[in-house]
PDB file of all heavy atoms in Angstrom:
ATOM      1  N   GLU A   1      -2.154   5.214   4.255  1.00  0.00           N
ATOM      2  CA  GLU A   1      -3.198   5.714   3.323  1.00  0.00           C
ATOM      3  C   GLU A   1      -4.462   6.219   4.098  1.00  0.00           C
ATOM      4  O   GLU A   1      -4.687   7.387   4.029  1.00  0.00           O
ATOM      5  CB  GLU A   1      -3.666   4.545   2.442  1.00  0.00           C
ATOM      6  CG  GLU A   1      -4.567   5.025   1.334  1.00  0.00           C
ATOM      7  CD  GLU A   1      -3.976   6.090   0.415  1.00  0.00           C
ATOM      8  OE1 GLU A   1      -2.897   6.007   0.003  1.00  0.00           O
ATOM      9  OE2 GLU A   1      -4.773   7.045   0.176  1.00  0.00           O
ATOM     10  N   CYS A   2      -5.054   5.377   4.840  1.00  0.00           N
ATOM     11  CA  CYS A   2      -6.314   5.737   5.580  1.00  0.00           C
ATOM     12  C   CYS A   2      -6.113   6.187   7.025  1.00  0.00           C
ATOM     13  O   CYS A   2      -7.017   6.678   7.582  1.00  0.00           O
ATOM     14  CB  CYS A   2      -7.299   4.620   5.510  1.00  0.00           C
ATOM     15  SG  CYS A   2      -6.950   3.215   6.476  1.00  0.00           S
ATOM     16  N   ARG A   3      -4.858   5.917   7.518  1.00  0.00           N
ATOM     17  CA  ARG A   3      -4.508   6.357   8.937  1.00  0.00           C
ATOM     18  C   ARG A   3      -5.193   5.411   9.985  1.00  0.00           C
ATOM     19  O   ARG A   3      -5.098   5.704  11.136  1.00  0.00           O
ATOM     20  CB  ARG A   3      -4.816   7.819   9.217  1.00  0.00           C
ATOM     21  CG  ARG A   3      -4.237   8.716   8.201  1.00  0.00           C
ATOM     22  CD  ARG A   3      -2.692   8.623   8.009  1.00  0.00           C
ATOM     23  NE  ARG A   3      -1.988   8.865   9.251  1.00  0.00           N
ATOM     24  CZ  ARG A   3      -0.795   8.393   9.507  1.00  0.00           C
ATOM     25  NH1 ARG A   3      -0.104   7.677   8.549  1.00  0.00           N
ATOM     26  NH2 ARG A   3      -0.202   8.634  10.648  1.00  0.00           N
ATOM     27  N   GLU A   4      -5.835   4.340   9.560  1.00  0.00           N
ATOM     28  CA  GLU A   4      -6.430   3.339  10.519  1.00  0.00           C
ATOM     29  C   GLU A   4      -5.360   2.514  11.117  1.00  0.00           C
ATOM     30  O   GLU A   4      -4.306   2.338  10.498  1.00  0.00           O
ATOM     31  CB  GLU A   4      -7.571   2.495   9.823  1.00  0.00           C
ATOM     32  CG  GLU A   4      -8.770   3.306   9.384  1.00  0.00           C
ATOM     33  CD  GLU A   4      -9.581   3.876  10.472  1.00  0.00           C
ATOM     34  OE1 GLU A   4      -9.704   3.111  11.533  1.00  0.00           O
ATOM     35  OE2 GLU A   4     -10.114   4.943  10.378  1.00  0.00           O
ATOM     36  N   GLN A   5      -5.665   1.940  12.270  1.00  0.00           N
ATOM     37  CA  GLN A   5      -4.659   1.029  12.851  1.00  0.00           C
ATOM     38  C   GLN A   5      -4.579  -0.326  12.173  1.00  0.00           C
ATOM     39  O   GLN A   5      -5.612  -0.887  11.691  1.00  0.00           O
ATOM     40  CB  GLN A   5      -5.017   0.760  14.363  1.00  0.00           C
ATOM     41  CG  GLN A   5      -4.781   1.987  15.129  1.00  0.00           C
ATOM     42  CD  GLN A   5      -5.003   1.713  16.638  1.00  0.00           C
ATOM     43  OE1 GLN A   5      -5.379   0.575  17.027  1.00  0.00           O
ATOM     44  NE2 GLN A   5      -4.754   2.711  17.496  1.00  0.00           N
ATOM     45  N   ILE A   6      -3.372  -0.872  12.110  1.00  0.00           N
ATOM     46  CA  ILE A   6      -3.071  -2.237  11.654  1.00  0.00           C
ATOM     47  C   ILE A   6      -2.695  -2.934  12.952  1.00  0.00           C
ATOM     48  O   ILE A   6      -1.690  -2.583  13.633  1.00  0.00           O
ATOM     49  CB  ILE A   6      -1.964  -2.243  10.646  1.00  0.00           C
ATOM     50  CG1 ILE A   6      -2.367  -1.504   9.350  1.00  0.00           C
ATOM     51  CG2 ILE A   6      -1.686  -3.776  10.236  1.00  0.00           C
ATOM     52  CD1 ILE A   6      -1.223  -1.207   8.376  1.00  0.00           C
ATOM     53  N   LYS A   7      -3.479  -3.943  13.358  1.00  0.00           N
ATOM     54  CA  LYS A   7      -3.251  -4.639  14.625  1.00  0.00           C
ATOM     55  C   LYS A   7      -2.420  -5.856  14.470  1.00  0.00           C
ATOM     56  O   LYS A   7      -2.307  -6.403  13.319  1.00  0.00           O
ATOM     57  CB  LYS A   7      -4.615  -5.075  15.214  1.00  0.00           C
ATOM     58  CG  LYS A   7      -5.475  -3.898  15.431  1.00  0.00           C
ATOM     59  CD  LYS A   7      -6.795  -4.317  15.981  1.00  0.00           C
ATOM     60  CE  LYS A   7      -7.723  -3.064  16.192  1.00  0.00           C
ATOM     61  NZ  LYS A   7      -9.074  -3.322  15.858  1.00  0.00           N
ATOM     62  N   PRO A   8      -1.665  -6.242  15.491  1.00  0.00           N
ATOM     63  CA  PRO A   8      -0.919  -7.430  15.433  1.00  0.00           C
ATOM     64  C   PRO A   8      -1.762  -8.655  14.941  1.00  0.00           C
ATOM     65  O   PRO A   8      -2.889  -8.809  15.343  1.00  0.00           O
ATOM     66  CB  PRO A   8      -0.406  -7.745  16.874  1.00  0.00           C
ATOM     67  CG  PRO A   8      -0.450  -6.355  17.501  1.00  0.00           C
ATOM     68  CD  PRO A   8      -1.548  -5.676  16.852  1.00  0.00           C
ATOM     69  N   GLY A   9      -1.203  -9.391  13.927  1.00  0.00           N
ATOM     70  CA  GLY A   9      -1.912 -10.451  13.352  1.00  0.00           C
ATOM     71  C   GLY A   9      -2.568 -10.162  12.017  1.00  0.00           C
ATOM     72  O   GLY A   9      -2.887 -11.010  11.185  1.00  0.00           O
ATOM     73  N   ASP A  10      -2.835  -8.831  11.780  1.00  0.00           N
ATOM     74  CA  ASP A  10      -3.418  -8.407  10.462  1.00  0.00           C
ATOM     75  C   ASP A  10      -2.387  -8.483   9.333  1.00  0.00           C
ATOM     76  O   ASP A  10      -1.206  -8.271   9.613  1.00  0.00           O
ATOM     77  CB  ASP A  10      -3.834  -6.869  10.520  1.00  0.00           C
ATOM     78  CG  ASP A  10      -5.097  -6.727  11.418  1.00  0.00           C
ATOM     79  OD1 ASP A  10      -5.721  -7.657  11.882  1.00  0.00           O
ATOM     80  OD2 ASP A  10      -5.393  -5.478  11.643  1.00  0.00           O
ATOM     81  N   THR A  11      -2.849  -8.807   8.207  1.00  0.00           N
ATOM     82  CA  THR A  11      -2.029  -8.764   6.998  1.00  0.00           C
ATOM     83  C   THR A  11      -2.003  -7.359   6.489  1.00  0.00           C
ATOM     84  O   THR A  11      -3.004  -6.691   6.514  1.00  0.00           O
ATOM     85  CB  THR A  11      -2.492  -9.684   5.942  1.00  0.00           C
ATOM     86  OG1 THR A  11      -2.582 -11.014   6.410  1.00  0.00           O
ATOM     87  CG2 THR A  11      -1.689  -9.737   4.643  1.00  0.00           C
ATOM     88  N   TYR A  12      -0.835  -6.903   6.060  1.00  0.00           N
ATOM     89  CA  TYR A  12      -0.705  -5.503   5.521  1.00  0.00           C
ATOM     90  C   TYR A  12       0.279  -5.565   4.357  1.00  0.00           C
ATOM     91  O   TYR A  12       0.924  -6.562   4.094  1.00  0.00           O
ATOM     92  CB  TYR A  12      -0.287  -4.548   6.597  1.00  0.00           C
ATOM     93  CG  TYR A  12       1.190  -4.746   7.101  1.00  0.00           C
ATOM     94  CD1 TYR A  12       2.260  -4.022   6.603  1.00  0.00           C
ATOM     95  CD2 TYR A  12       1.386  -5.744   8.090  1.00  0.00           C
ATOM     96  CE1 TYR A  12       3.526  -4.243   7.131  1.00  0.00           C
ATOM     97  CE2 TYR A  12       2.681  -5.919   8.591  1.00  0.00           C
ATOM     98  CZ  TYR A  12       3.748  -5.188   8.077  1.00  0.00           C
ATOM     99  OH  TYR A  12       5.041  -5.391   8.500  1.00  0.00           O
ATOM    100  N   ARG A  13       0.362  -4.461   3.573  1.00  0.00           N
ATOM    101  CA  ARG A  13       1.263  -4.423   2.465  1.00  0.00           C
ATOM    102  C   ARG A  13       2.390  -3.362   2.824  1.00  0.00           C
ATOM    103  O   ARG A  13       2.118  -2.326   3.314  1.00  0.00           O
ATOM    104  CB  ARG A  13       0.568  -3.815   1.247  1.00  0.00           C
ATOM    105  CG  ARG A  13       1.428  -3.587   0.060  1.00  0.00           C
ATOM    106  CD  ARG A  13       0.592  -2.975  -1.064  1.00  0.00           C
ATOM    107  NE  ARG A  13       1.472  -2.516  -2.074  1.00  0.00           N
ATOM    108  CZ  ARG A  13       1.071  -2.462  -3.383  1.00  0.00           C
ATOM    109  NH1 ARG A  13      -0.102  -2.899  -3.741  1.00  0.00           N
ATOM    110  NH2 ARG A  13       1.891  -2.069  -4.250  1.00  0.00           N
ATOM    111  N   ARG A  14       3.595  -3.795   2.641  1.00  0.00           N
ATOM    112  CA  ARG A  14       4.832  -2.922   2.862  1.00  0.00           C
ATOM    113  C   ARG A  14       5.503  -2.796   1.445  1.00  0.00           C
ATOM    114  O   ARG A  14       5.920  -3.803   0.893  1.00  0.00           O
ATOM    115  CB  ARG A  14       5.753  -3.500   3.847  1.00  0.00           C
ATOM    116  CG  ARG A  14       6.955  -2.644   4.111  1.00  0.00           C
ATOM    117  CD  ARG A  14       8.008  -3.242   5.003  1.00  0.00           C
ATOM    118  NE  ARG A  14       7.426  -3.489   6.359  1.00  0.00           N
ATOM    119  CZ  ARG A  14       7.507  -2.518   7.319  1.00  0.00           C
ATOM    120  NH1 ARG A  14       8.045  -1.336   7.145  1.00  0.00           N
ATOM    121  NH2 ARG A  14       6.957  -2.798   8.527  1.00  0.00           N
ATOM    122  N   ASP A  15       5.639  -1.571   1.001  1.00  0.00           N
ATOM    123  CA  ASP A  15       6.430  -1.344  -0.186  1.00  0.00           C
ATOM    124  C   ASP A  15       7.764  -0.574   0.188  1.00  0.00           C
ATOM    125  O   ASP A  15       7.726   0.299   1.016  1.00  0.00           O
ATOM    126  CB  ASP A  15       5.648  -0.343  -1.144  1.00  0.00           C
ATOM    127  CG  ASP A  15       4.457  -1.043  -1.783  1.00  0.00           C
ATOM    128  OD1 ASP A  15       4.775  -1.893  -2.631  1.00  0.00           O
ATOM    129  OD2 ASP A  15       3.305  -0.712  -1.407  1.00  0.00           O
ATOM    130  N   PHE A  16       8.787  -1.057  -0.416  1.00  0.00           N
ATOM    131  CA  PHE A  16      10.108  -0.443  -0.262  1.00  0.00           C
ATOM    132  C   PHE A  16      10.567   0.026  -1.660  1.00  0.00           C
ATOM    133  O   PHE A  16      10.444  -0.749  -2.608  1.00  0.00           O
ATOM    134  CB  PHE A  16      11.152  -1.428   0.262  1.00  0.00           C
ATOM    135  CG  PHE A  16      12.571  -0.898   0.231  1.00  0.00           C
ATOM    136  CD1 PHE A  16      12.942   0.018   1.228  1.00  0.00           C
ATOM    137  CD2 PHE A  16      13.445  -1.236  -0.727  1.00  0.00           C
ATOM    138  CE1 PHE A  16      14.189   0.555   1.198  1.00  0.00           C
ATOM    139  CE2 PHE A  16      14.739  -0.705  -0.761  1.00  0.00           C
ATOM    140  CZ  PHE A  16      15.126   0.145   0.192  1.00  0.00           C
ATOM    141  N   MET A  17      10.946   1.278  -1.781  1.00  0.00           N
ATOM    142  CA  MET A  17      11.352   1.848  -3.029  1.00  0.00           C
ATOM    143  C   MET A  17      12.643   2.676  -2.848  1.00  0.00           C
ATOM    144  O   MET A  17      12.900   3.194  -1.812  1.00  0.00           O
ATOM    145  CB  MET A  17      10.261   2.781  -3.527  1.00  0.00           C
ATOM    146  CG  MET A  17       8.935   2.051  -3.836  1.00  0.00           C
ATOM    147  SD  MET A  17       7.528   3.197  -3.779  1.00  0.00           S
ATOM    148  CE  MET A  17       7.321   3.274  -2.044  1.00  0.00           C
ATOM    149  N   VAL A  18      13.335   2.744  -3.977  1.00  0.00           N
ATOM    150  CA  VAL A  18      14.434   3.717  -4.118  1.00  0.00           C
ATOM    151  C   VAL A  18      14.152   4.506  -5.296  1.00  0.00           C
ATOM    152  O   VAL A  18      13.989   3.965  -6.406  1.00  0.00           O
ATOM    153  CB  VAL A  18      15.855   2.951  -4.223  1.00  0.00           C
ATOM    154  CG1 VAL A  18      16.941   3.982  -4.429  1.00  0.00           C
ATOM    155  CG2 VAL A  18      16.051   2.102  -3.068  1.00  0.00           C
ATOM    156  N   HIS A  19      13.996   5.800  -5.137  1.00  0.00           N
ATOM    157  CA  HIS A  19      13.689   6.780  -6.123  1.00  0.00           C
ATOM    158  C   HIS A  19      14.741   7.853  -6.192  1.00  0.00           C
ATOM    159  O   HIS A  19      14.902   8.527  -5.204  1.00  0.00           O
ATOM    160  CB  HIS A  19      12.310   7.368  -5.973  1.00  0.00           C
ATOM    161  CG  HIS A  19      11.888   8.220  -7.053  1.00  0.00           C
ATOM    162  ND1 HIS A  19      11.435   7.694  -8.267  1.00  0.00           N
ATOM    163  CD2 HIS A  19      11.783   9.589  -7.165  1.00  0.00           C
ATOM    164  CE1 HIS A  19      11.058   8.684  -9.071  1.00  0.00           C
ATOM    165  NE2 HIS A  19      11.292   9.880  -8.421  1.00  0.00           N
ATOM    166  N   GLU A  20      15.449   7.954  -7.306  1.00  0.00           N
ATOM    167  CA  GLU A  20      16.586   8.893  -7.480  1.00  0.00           C
ATOM    168  C   GLU A  20      17.572   8.823  -6.301  1.00  0.00           C
ATOM    169  O   GLU A  20      17.988   9.750  -5.714  1.00  0.00           O
ATOM    170  CB  GLU A  20      16.033  10.360  -7.587  1.00  0.00           C
ATOM    171  CG  GLU A  20      15.212  10.527  -8.802  1.00  0.00           C
ATOM    172  CD  GLU A  20      14.682  11.989  -8.962  1.00  0.00           C
ATOM    173  OE1 GLU A  20      14.985  12.800  -8.105  1.00  0.00           O
ATOM    174  OE2 GLU A  20      13.960  12.211  -9.954  1.00  0.00           O
ATOM    175  N   GLY A  21      17.810   7.561  -5.909  1.00  0.00           N
ATOM    176  CA  GLY A  21      18.818   7.305  -4.847  1.00  0.00           C
ATOM    177  C   GLY A  21      18.303   7.370  -3.444  1.00  0.00           C
ATOM    178  O   GLY A  21      19.021   7.090  -2.443  1.00  0.00           O
ATOM    179  N   GLU A  22      17.066   7.797  -3.261  1.00  0.00           N
ATOM    180  CA  GLU A  22      16.495   7.966  -1.930  1.00  0.00           C
ATOM    181  C   GLU A  22      15.544   6.824  -1.586  1.00  0.00           C
ATOM    182  O   GLU A  22      14.548   6.597  -2.249  1.00  0.00           O
ATOM    183  CB  GLU A  22      15.714   9.300  -1.876  1.00  0.00           C
ATOM    184  CG  GLU A  22      16.538  10.575  -2.026  1.00  0.00           C
ATOM    185  CD  GLU A  22      17.489  10.704  -0.851  1.00  0.00           C
ATOM    186  OE1 GLU A  22      17.144  10.402   0.380  1.00  0.00           O
ATOM    187  OE2 GLU A  22      18.634  11.115  -1.070  1.00  0.00           O
ATOM    188  N   PRO A  23      15.950   6.047  -0.492  1.00  0.00           N
ATOM    189  CA  PRO A  23      15.004   4.959  -0.086  1.00  0.00           C
ATOM    190  C   PRO A  23      13.761   5.531   0.661  1.00  0.00           C
ATOM    191  O   PRO A  23      13.819   6.541   1.369  1.00  0.00           O
ATOM    192  CB  PRO A  23      15.917   4.170   0.800  1.00  0.00           C
ATOM    193  CG  PRO A  23      16.886   5.101   1.361  1.00  0.00           C
ATOM    194  CD  PRO A  23      17.079   6.166   0.294  1.00  0.00           C
ATOM    195  N   SER A  24      12.616   4.750   0.512  1.00  0.00           N
ATOM    196  CA  SER A  24      11.470   5.091   1.318  1.00  0.00           C
ATOM    197  C   SER A  24      10.594   3.794   1.396  1.00  0.00           C
ATOM    198  O   SER A  24      10.818   2.803   0.651  1.00  0.00           O
ATOM    199  CB  SER A  24      10.654   6.145   0.568  1.00  0.00           C
ATOM    200  OG  SER A  24      10.090   5.749  -0.657  1.00  0.00           O
ATOM    201  N   SER A  25       9.721   3.822   2.332  1.00  0.00           N
ATOM    202  CA  SER A  25       8.836   2.652   2.468  1.00  0.00           C
ATOM    203  C   SER A  25       7.490   3.213   2.910  1.00  0.00           C
ATOM    204  O   SER A  25       7.322   4.302   3.397  1.00  0.00           O
ATOM    205  CB  SER A  25       9.343   1.728   3.514  1.00  0.00           C
ATOM    206  OG  SER A  25       9.418   2.216   4.760  1.00  0.00           O
ATOM    207  N   SER A  26       6.469   2.396   2.666  1.00  0.00           N
ATOM    208  CA  SER A  26       5.114   2.710   3.080  1.00  0.00           C
ATOM    209  C   SER A  26       4.420   1.490   3.559  1.00  0.00           C
ATOM    210  O   SER A  26       4.748   0.273   3.115  1.00  0.00           O
ATOM    211  CB  SER A  26       4.326   3.334   1.929  1.00  0.00           C
ATOM    212  OG  SER A  26       4.091   2.402   0.923  1.00  0.00           O
ATOM    213  N   ILE A  27       3.426   1.570   4.436  1.00  0.00           N
ATOM    214  CA  ILE A  27       2.646   0.507   4.932  1.00  0.00           C
ATOM    215  C   ILE A  27       1.155   0.825   4.761  1.00  0.00           C
ATOM    216  O   ILE A  27       0.737   2.007   5.081  1.00  0.00           O
ATOM    217  CB  ILE A  27       2.971   0.376   6.431  1.00  0.00           C
ATOM    218  CG1 ILE A  27       4.411  -0.073   6.705  1.00  0.00           C
ATOM    219  CG2 ILE A  27       1.994  -0.658   7.129  1.00  0.00           C
ATOM    220  CD1 ILE A  27       4.736  -0.068   8.146  1.00  0.00           C
ATOM    221  N   VAL A  28       0.421  -0.065   4.205  1.00  0.00           N
ATOM    222  CA  VAL A  28      -1.000   0.138   3.977  1.00  0.00           C
ATOM    223  C   VAL A  28      -1.757  -1.111   4.498  1.00  0.00           C
ATOM    224  O   VAL A  28      -1.218  -2.240   4.385  1.00  0.00           O
ATOM    225  CB  VAL A  28      -1.425   0.455   2.589  1.00  0.00           C
ATOM    226  CG1 VAL A  28      -0.814   1.789   2.179  1.00  0.00           C
ATOM    227  CG2 VAL A  28      -1.066  -0.598   1.644  1.00  0.00           C
ATOM    228  N   CYS A  29      -2.944  -0.858   5.072  1.00  0.00           N
ATOM    229  CA  CYS A  29      -3.830  -1.964   5.542  1.00  0.00           C
ATOM    230  C   CYS A  29      -4.336  -2.841   4.412  1.00  0.00           C
ATOM    231  O   CYS A  29      -4.197  -2.413   3.198  1.00  0.00           O
ATOM    232  CB  CYS A  29      -4.962  -1.399   6.372  1.00  0.00           C
ATOM    233  SG  CYS A  29      -6.158  -0.414   5.446  1.00  0.00           S
ATOM    234  N   GLU A  30      -4.847  -3.965   4.723  1.00  0.00           N
ATOM    235  CA  GLU A  30      -5.315  -4.863   3.748  1.00  0.00           C
ATOM    236  C   GLU A  30      -6.476  -4.275   2.940  1.00  0.00           C
ATOM    237  O   GLU A  30      -6.505  -4.467   1.700  1.00  0.00           O
ATOM    238  CB  GLU A  30      -5.787  -6.173   4.412  1.00  0.00           C
ATOM    239  CG  GLU A  30      -6.097  -7.228   3.456  1.00  0.00           C
ATOM    240  CD  GLU A  30      -6.373  -8.659   4.178  1.00  0.00           C
ATOM    241  OE1 GLU A  30      -6.629  -8.629   5.405  1.00  0.00           O
ATOM    242  OE2 GLU A  30      -6.216  -9.600   3.528  1.00  0.00           O
ATOM    243  N   CYS A  31      -7.312  -3.481   3.598  1.00  0.00           N
ATOM    244  CA  CYS A  31      -8.473  -2.814   2.811  1.00  0.00           C
ATOM    245  C   CYS A  31      -7.963  -1.892   1.802  1.00  0.00           C
ATOM    246  O   CYS A  31      -8.450  -1.884   0.691  1.00  0.00           O
ATOM    247  CB  CYS A  31      -9.369  -2.113   3.907  1.00  0.00           C
ATOM    248  SG  CYS A  31     -10.788  -1.340   3.226  1.00  0.00           S
ATOM    249  N   CYS A  32      -7.028  -1.011   2.120  1.00  0.00           N
ATOM    250  CA  CYS A  32      -6.422  -0.019   1.210  1.00  0.00           C
ATOM    251  C   CYS A  32      -5.669  -0.735   0.104  1.00  0.00           C
ATOM    252  O   CYS A  32      -5.714  -0.370  -1.034  1.00  0.00           O
ATOM    253  CB  CYS A  32      -5.560   0.988   1.944  1.00  0.00           C
ATOM    254  SG  CYS A  32      -6.481   2.168   2.848  1.00  0.00           S
ATOM    255  N   ASP A  33      -4.946  -1.834   0.495  1.00  0.00           N
ATOM    256  CA  ASP A  33      -4.236  -2.643  -0.528  1.00  0.00           C
ATOM    257  C   ASP A  33      -5.224  -3.162  -1.596  1.00  0.00           C
ATOM    258  O   ASP A  33      -4.938  -3.039  -2.781  1.00  0.00           O
ATOM    259  CB  ASP A  33      -3.540  -3.744   0.162  1.00  0.00           C
ATOM    260  CG  ASP A  33      -2.691  -4.653  -0.733  1.00  0.00           C
ATOM    261  OD1 ASP A  33      -2.250  -4.117  -1.832  1.00  0.00           O
ATOM    262  OD2 ASP A  33      -2.396  -5.771  -0.432  1.00  0.00           O
ATOM    263  N   LYS A  34      -6.332  -3.711  -1.172  1.00  0.00           N
ATOM    264  CA  LYS A  34      -7.306  -4.215  -2.125  1.00  0.00           C
ATOM    265  C   LYS A  34      -7.931  -3.050  -2.943  1.00  0.00           C
ATOM    266  O   LYS A  34      -8.186  -3.272  -4.166  1.00  0.00           O
ATOM    267  CB  LYS A  34      -8.415  -4.969  -1.351  1.00  0.00           C
ATOM    268  CG  LYS A  34      -7.894  -6.328  -0.821  1.00  0.00           C
ATOM    269  CD  LYS A  34      -8.962  -7.030  -0.111  1.00  0.00           C
ATOM    270  CE  LYS A  34      -8.359  -8.339   0.463  1.00  0.00           C
ATOM    271  NZ  LYS A  34      -9.306  -9.114   1.154  1.00  0.00           N
ATOM    272  N   LEU A  35      -8.155  -1.888  -2.320  1.00  0.00           N
ATOM    273  CA  LEU A  35      -8.681  -0.778  -3.111  1.00  0.00           C
ATOM    274  C   LEU A  35      -7.707  -0.289  -4.143  1.00  0.00           C
ATOM    275  O   LEU A  35      -8.086   0.004  -5.268  1.00  0.00           O
ATOM    276  CB  LEU A  35      -9.093   0.348  -2.152  1.00  0.00           C
ATOM    277  CG  LEU A  35      -9.774   1.572  -2.821  1.00  0.00           C
ATOM    278  CD1 LEU A  35     -10.990   1.201  -3.572  1.00  0.00           C
ATOM    279  CD2 LEU A  35     -10.019   2.648  -1.745  1.00  0.00           C
ATOM    280  N   MET A  36      -6.413  -0.317  -3.771  1.00  0.00           N
ATOM    281  CA  MET A  36      -5.361   0.091  -4.702  1.00  0.00           C
ATOM    282  C   MET A  36      -5.342  -0.832  -5.862  1.00  0.00           C
ATOM    283  O   MET A  36      -5.249  -0.377  -7.071  1.00  0.00           O
ATOM    284  CB  MET A  36      -3.959   0.038  -4.034  1.00  0.00           C
ATOM    285  CG  MET A  36      -3.505   1.328  -3.492  1.00  0.00           C
ATOM    286  SD  MET A  36      -1.784   1.139  -2.971  1.00  0.00           S
ATOM    287  CE  MET A  36      -1.892   1.549  -1.330  1.00  0.00           C
ATOM    288  N   GLU A  37      -5.459  -2.189  -5.694  1.00  0.00           N
ATOM    289  CA  GLU A  37      -5.433  -3.139  -6.746  1.00  0.00           C
ATOM    290  C   GLU A  37      -6.622  -2.874  -7.712  1.00  0.00           C
ATOM    291  O   GLU A  37      -6.469  -2.874  -8.920  1.00  0.00           O
ATOM    292  CB  GLU A  37      -5.476  -4.523  -6.187  1.00  0.00           C
ATOM    293  CG  GLU A  37      -4.268  -4.984  -5.580  1.00  0.00           C
ATOM    294  CD  GLU A  37      -4.296  -6.365  -5.006  1.00  0.00           C
ATOM    295  OE1 GLU A  37      -5.294  -7.108  -5.271  1.00  0.00           O
ATOM    296  OE2 GLU A  37      -3.361  -6.773  -4.341  1.00  0.00           O
ATOM    297  N   ARG A  38      -7.805  -2.619  -7.125  1.00  0.00           N
ATOM    298  CA  ARG A  38      -8.993  -2.337  -7.914  1.00  0.00           C
ATOM    299  C   ARG A  38      -8.886  -1.021  -8.695  1.00  0.00           C
ATOM    300  O   ARG A  38      -9.353  -0.907  -9.797  1.00  0.00           O
ATOM    301  CB  ARG A  38     -10.227  -2.409  -7.018  1.00  0.00           C
ATOM    302  CG  ARG A  38     -10.505  -3.752  -6.517  1.00  0.00           C
ATOM    303  CD  ARG A  38     -11.562  -3.849  -5.452  1.00  0.00           C
ATOM    304  NE  ARG A  38     -12.752  -3.045  -5.696  1.00  0.00           N
ATOM    305  CZ  ARG A  38     -13.379  -2.361  -4.687  1.00  0.00           C
ATOM    306  NH1 ARG A  38     -12.997  -2.454  -3.542  1.00  0.00           N
ATOM    307  NH2 ARG A  38     -14.400  -1.657  -5.067  1.00  0.00           N
ATOM    308  N   PHE A  39      -8.287  -0.020  -8.072  1.00  0.00           N
ATOM    309  CA  PHE A  39      -8.081   1.267  -8.693  1.00  0.00           C
ATOM    310  C   PHE A  39      -7.219   1.103  -9.930  1.00  0.00           C
ATOM    311  O   PHE A  39      -7.530   1.511 -11.065  1.00  0.00           O
ATOM    312  CB  PHE A  39      -7.436   2.225  -7.698  1.00  0.00           C
ATOM    313  CG  PHE A  39      -6.935   3.537  -8.369  1.00  0.00           C
ATOM    314  CD1 PHE A  39      -7.838   4.542  -8.734  1.00  0.00           C
ATOM    315  CD2 PHE A  39      -5.558   3.698  -8.568  1.00  0.00           C
ATOM    316  CE1 PHE A  39      -7.345   5.703  -9.365  1.00  0.00           C
ATOM    317  CE2 PHE A  39      -5.105   4.869  -9.252  1.00  0.00           C
ATOM    318  CZ  PHE A  39      -5.978   5.851  -9.562  1.00  0.00           C
ATOM    319  N   PHE A  40      -6.047   0.495  -9.773  1.00  0.00           N
ATOM    320  CA  PHE A  40      -5.138   0.317 -10.930  1.00  0.00           C
ATOM    321  C   PHE A  40      -5.721  -0.574 -12.005  1.00  0.00           C
ATOM    322  O   PHE A  40      -5.477  -0.404 -13.140  1.00  0.00           O
ATOM    323  CB  PHE A  40      -3.715  -0.119 -10.466  1.00  0.00           C
ATOM    324  CG  PHE A  40      -2.958   0.888  -9.806  1.00  0.00           C
ATOM    325  CD1 PHE A  40      -2.646   0.855  -8.452  1.00  0.00           C
ATOM    326  CD2 PHE A  40      -2.512   2.014 -10.512  1.00  0.00           C
ATOM    327  CE1 PHE A  40      -1.878   1.938  -7.843  1.00  0.00           C
ATOM    328  CE2 PHE A  40      -1.820   3.025  -9.932  1.00  0.00           C
ATOM    329  CZ  PHE A  40      -1.516   2.968  -8.630  1.00  0.00           C
ATOM    330  N   ALA A  41      -6.516  -1.654 -11.614  1.00  0.00           N
ATOM    331  CA  ALA A  41      -7.198  -2.490 -12.607  1.00  0.00           C
ATOM    332  C   ALA A  41      -8.232  -1.711 -13.398  1.00  0.00           C
ATOM    333  O   ALA A  41      -8.526  -2.077 -14.516  1.00  0.00           O
ATOM    334  CB  ALA A  41      -7.733  -3.721 -11.890  1.00  0.00           C
ATOM    335  N   GLY A  42      -8.797  -0.718 -12.768  1.00  0.00           N
ATOM    336  CA  GLY A  42      -9.909   0.065 -13.427  1.00  0.00           C
ATOM    337  C   GLY A  42      -9.465   1.149 -14.361  1.00  0.00           C
ATOM    338  O   GLY A  42     -10.238   1.673 -15.121  1.00  0.00           O
ATOM    339  N   ILE A  43      -8.157   1.416 -14.342  1.00  0.00           N
ATOM    340  CA  ILE A  43      -7.620   2.524 -15.199  1.00  0.00           C
ATOM    341  C   ILE A  43      -7.728   2.031 -16.684  1.00  0.00           C
ATOM    342  O   ILE A  43      -7.193   0.897 -16.960  1.00  0.00           O
ATOM    343  CB  ILE A  43      -6.179   2.836 -14.873  1.00  0.00           C
ATOM    344  CG1 ILE A  43      -6.147   3.475 -13.380  1.00  0.00           C
ATOM    345  CG2 ILE A  43      -5.571   3.867 -15.825  1.00  0.00           C
ATOM    346  CD1 ILE A  43      -4.757   3.756 -12.881  1.00  0.00           C
ATOM    347  N   PRO A  44      -8.272   2.796 -17.556  1.00  0.00           N
ATOM    348  CA  PRO A  44      -8.272   2.323 -18.929  1.00  0.00           C
ATOM    349  C   PRO A  44      -6.842   2.053 -19.448  1.00  0.00           C
ATOM    350  O   PRO A  44      -5.879   2.736 -19.136  1.00  0.00           O
ATOM    351  CB  PRO A  44      -8.900   3.515 -19.715  1.00  0.00           C
ATOM    352  CG  PRO A  44      -9.703   4.327 -18.657  1.00  0.00           C
ATOM    353  CD  PRO A  44      -8.933   4.079 -17.357  1.00  0.00           C
ATOM    354  N   ARG A  45      -6.706   1.008 -20.246  1.00  0.00           N
ATOM    355  CA  ARG A  45      -5.393   0.498 -20.693  1.00  0.00           C
ATOM    356  C   ARG A  45      -4.432   1.616 -21.163  1.00  0.00           C
ATOM    357  O   ARG A  45      -3.256   1.599 -20.876  1.00  0.00           O
ATOM    358  CB  ARG A  45      -5.564  -0.598 -21.638  1.00  0.00           C
ATOM    359  CG  ARG A  45      -4.283  -1.189 -22.208  1.00  0.00           C
ATOM    360  CD  ARG A  45      -4.509  -2.296 -23.196  1.00  0.00           C
ATOM    361  NE  ARG A  45      -5.048  -3.449 -22.599  1.00  0.00           N
ATOM    362  CZ  ARG A  45      -4.397  -4.417 -21.968  1.00  0.00           C
ATOM    363  NH1 ARG A  45      -3.065  -4.304 -21.809  1.00  0.00           N
ATOM    364  NH2 ARG A  45      -4.959  -5.475 -21.488  1.00  0.00           N
TER     365      ARG A  45
END
């Protein structure tokens, strides 16, 4: 997401998905993970 380094010992988020038969994964730092949670919580219902 932000392209910053995730260092050994840091907690991070790893998502694994299969979309239309194609697997993919992503890694985001703890800061971006928290911002994502706040973003989705802020979306009107």
